[in-house]
Protein backbone atom coordinates (compact mmCIF):
# COMPACT_ATOMS: atom_id res chain seq x y z
CA UNK A 1 11.06 -90.91 39.91
CA UNK A 2 13.50 -92.74 40.49
CA UNK A 3 15.79 -91.23 43.83
CA UNK A 4 19.97 -91.42 42.98
CA UNK A 5 21.82 -92.96 45.90
CA UNK A 6 24.51 -90.99 46.81
CA UNK A 7 28.06 -93.23 46.49
CA UNK A 8 30.91 -91.64 47.88
CA UNK A 9 32.10 -88.10 49.30
CA UNK A 10 31.04 -84.67 48.06
CA UNK A 11 33.53 -82.05 47.38
CA UNK A 12 33.76 -79.89 51.47
CA UNK A 13 33.03 -83.42 53.61
CA UNK A 14 36.51 -84.49 51.73
CA UNK A 15 38.13 -80.77 52.69
CA UNK A 16 36.65 -80.84 56.46
CA UNK A 17 38.67 -83.93 56.74
CA UNK A 18 41.89 -82.66 55.25
CA UNK A 19 41.92 -79.67 57.13
CA UNK A 20 41.05 -81.58 60.84
CA UNK A 21 44.67 -83.69 59.05
CA UNK A 22 46.32 -80.73 58.40
CA UNK A 23 45.38 -79.35 62.48
CA UNK A 24 46.29 -82.70 63.78
CA UNK A 25 50.02 -82.41 61.65
CA UNK A 26 51.01 -78.81 62.91
CA UNK A 27 50.32 -80.27 67.26
CA UNK A 28 52.01 -83.62 66.54
CA UNK A 29 55.08 -82.83 63.98
CA UNK A 30 56.62 -79.91 66.97
CA UNK A 31 55.79 -82.31 70.04
CA UNK A 32 57.57 -85.13 68.06
CA UNK A 33 60.68 -82.72 66.88
CA UNK A 34 60.90 -81.93 70.34
CA UNK A 35 60.62 -86.07 70.92
CA UNK A 36 63.81 -87.82 68.71
CA UNK A 37 66.35 -83.88 69.84
CA UNK A 38 65.30 -85.47 73.22
CA UNK A 39 66.64 -89.71 71.92
CA UNK A 40 69.66 -87.17 70.86
CA UNK A 41 70.62 -85.47 74.17
CA UNK A 42 70.01 -89.08 75.69
CA UNK A 43 73.43 -90.05 73.73
CA UNK A 44 75.42 -87.47 75.35
CA UNK A 45 74.15 -88.48 78.70
CA UNK A 46 75.27 -91.99 77.90
CA UNK A 47 78.12 -91.32 76.44
CA UNK A 48 79.08 -89.67 79.52
CA UNK A 49 77.34 -91.58 82.29
CA UNK A 50 80.38 -93.67 81.21
CA UNK A 51 83.08 -91.90 81.94
CA UNK A 52 81.80 -91.15 85.71
CA UNK A 53 83.10 -94.89 86.63
CA UNK A 54 86.85 -94.24 84.62
CA UNK A 55 87.45 -91.23 86.30
CA UNK A 56 85.85 -91.69 89.95
CA UNK A 57 88.41 -94.67 89.90
CA UNK A 58 91.14 -92.62 89.02
CA UNK A 59 90.70 -90.18 90.56
CA UNK A 60 91.03 -92.43 94.05
CA UNK A 61 93.34 -94.41 92.84
CA UNK A 62 96.26 -91.78 91.85
CA UNK A 63 94.16 -88.67 94.45
CA UNK A 64 94.74 -86.44 91.08
CA UNK A 65 92.64 -85.97 87.96
CA UNK A 66 92.66 -87.25 84.18
CA UNK A 67 94.84 -86.32 82.82
CA UNK A 68 94.15 -85.97 78.51
CA UNK A 69 96.21 -88.79 77.59
CA UNK A 70 95.09 -90.96 80.48
CA UNK A 71 91.01 -89.76 79.94
CA UNK A 72 92.26 -91.54 76.13
CA UNK A 73 92.75 -94.52 77.47
CA UNK A 74 90.72 -94.84 80.63
CA UNK A 75 87.37 -94.11 78.30
CA UNK A 76 87.15 -96.31 74.44
CA UNK A 77 83.98 -94.60 73.23
CA UNK A 78 84.00 -91.11 72.53
CA UNK A 79 82.03 -90.60 70.10
CA UNK A 80 78.62 -91.95 68.85
CA UNK A 81 76.08 -91.02 65.91
CA UNK A 82 74.78 -87.57 67.94
CA UNK A 83 77.30 -86.92 69.65
CA UNK A 84 81.44 -86.19 67.57
CA UNK A 85 83.47 -85.49 70.75
CA UNK A 86 83.82 -86.51 74.47
CA UNK A 87 86.40 -83.92 76.33
CA UNK A 88 87.97 -83.95 79.22
CA UNK A 89 88.58 -80.37 80.92
CA UNK A 90 90.30 -80.62 84.92
CA UNK A 91 89.46 -78.18 87.10
CA UNK A 92 90.74 -75.96 89.76
CA UNK A 93 88.29 -77.65 91.60
CA UNK A 94 87.28 -80.20 89.75
CA UNK A 95 86.84 -82.26 87.23
CA UNK A 96 84.13 -81.65 83.68
CA UNK A 97 83.42 -83.30 81.08
CA UNK A 98 82.04 -81.73 77.68
CA UNK A 99 79.94 -83.85 74.98
CA UNK A 100 79.53 -81.82 72.26
CA UNK A 101 76.83 -82.13 68.77
CA UNK A 102 77.77 -82.87 65.89
CA UNK A 103 77.43 -79.70 63.39
CA UNK A 104 74.72 -82.20 60.86
CA UNK A 105 73.04 -85.08 61.71
CA UNK A 106 70.89 -84.30 63.76
CA UNK A 107 68.14 -81.69 65.49
CA UNK A 108 68.14 -78.47 64.17
CA UNK A 109 68.28 -76.80 68.25
CA UNK A 110 71.38 -79.28 69.37
CA UNK A 111 73.52 -78.93 65.83
CA UNK A 112 77.55 -77.91 67.79
CA UNK A 113 75.93 -77.60 71.32
CA UNK A 114 77.28 -79.05 74.29
CA UNK A 115 76.42 -81.26 77.26
CA UNK A 116 78.88 -80.93 80.69
CA UNK A 117 78.98 -83.44 83.04
CA UNK A 118 81.11 -82.50 86.48
CA UNK A 119 82.42 -83.81 89.33
CA UNK A 120 83.92 -82.05 92.53
CA UNK A 121 84.74 -85.49 94.44
CA UNK A 122 84.86 -88.26 91.69
CA UNK A 123 81.65 -89.64 93.74
CA UNK A 124 78.32 -86.56 92.62
CA UNK A 125 78.32 -85.94 89.05
CA UNK A 126 76.13 -82.59 88.13
CA UNK A 127 74.77 -82.27 84.94
CA UNK A 128 72.40 -79.19 86.01
CA UNK A 129 73.89 -75.54 85.25
CA UNK A 130 74.58 -74.57 89.66
CA UNK A 131 76.11 -77.44 90.02
CA UNK A 132 78.68 -77.09 87.03
CA UNK A 133 79.48 -73.92 88.54
CA UNK A 134 79.80 -74.95 92.09
CA UNK A 135 83.20 -77.22 91.20
CA UNK A 136 84.44 -73.98 88.78
CA UNK A 137 83.13 -75.15 85.71
CA UNK A 138 81.29 -73.90 82.61
CA UNK A 139 77.31 -75.09 82.10
CA UNK A 140 76.54 -76.60 78.48
CA UNK A 141 75.23 -74.45 75.49
CA UNK A 142 72.27 -76.79 75.17
CA UNK A 143 69.10 -75.85 75.11
CA UNK A 144 66.66 -76.24 78.91
CA UNK A 145 64.10 -78.04 76.32
CA UNK A 146 65.43 -80.83 75.52
CA UNK A 147 67.18 -81.21 78.76
CA UNK A 148 66.23 -83.87 80.84
CA UNK A 149 64.63 -82.84 84.57
CA UNK A 150 67.62 -83.64 86.77
CA UNK A 151 70.27 -80.75 83.92
CA UNK A 152 67.73 -77.54 84.32
């Protein structure tokens, strides 16, 4: 009698492969979601970063921080794909800019949260809680896990 050669995979081999793929997906998906949220935070940081020079020049030239109307004239890009708005706030001892994330179309952990950037002199800007509070501002509501190292 001839011995028959096996063709294809057995059911157990296929089940093992599916289990391995499931384990890899369980590890990779949360890491990927954090990566996406961090990329969305980068947009907020970049939009707020574009505010630094015009606001610092305004302060150096006039000796005061810009009002909301003056800020709107200085800064033309105040929203992005993930950021709903970039708004100014004059503090008792400085100036604060707030980027607010959109309610939809962003990672779940960022929906309607805020990132803040503040300065006391127009030269040194802070995005971490201690620095922002040192110039009289308040920290944003974006979770620390999504912020860049300098903003934790």
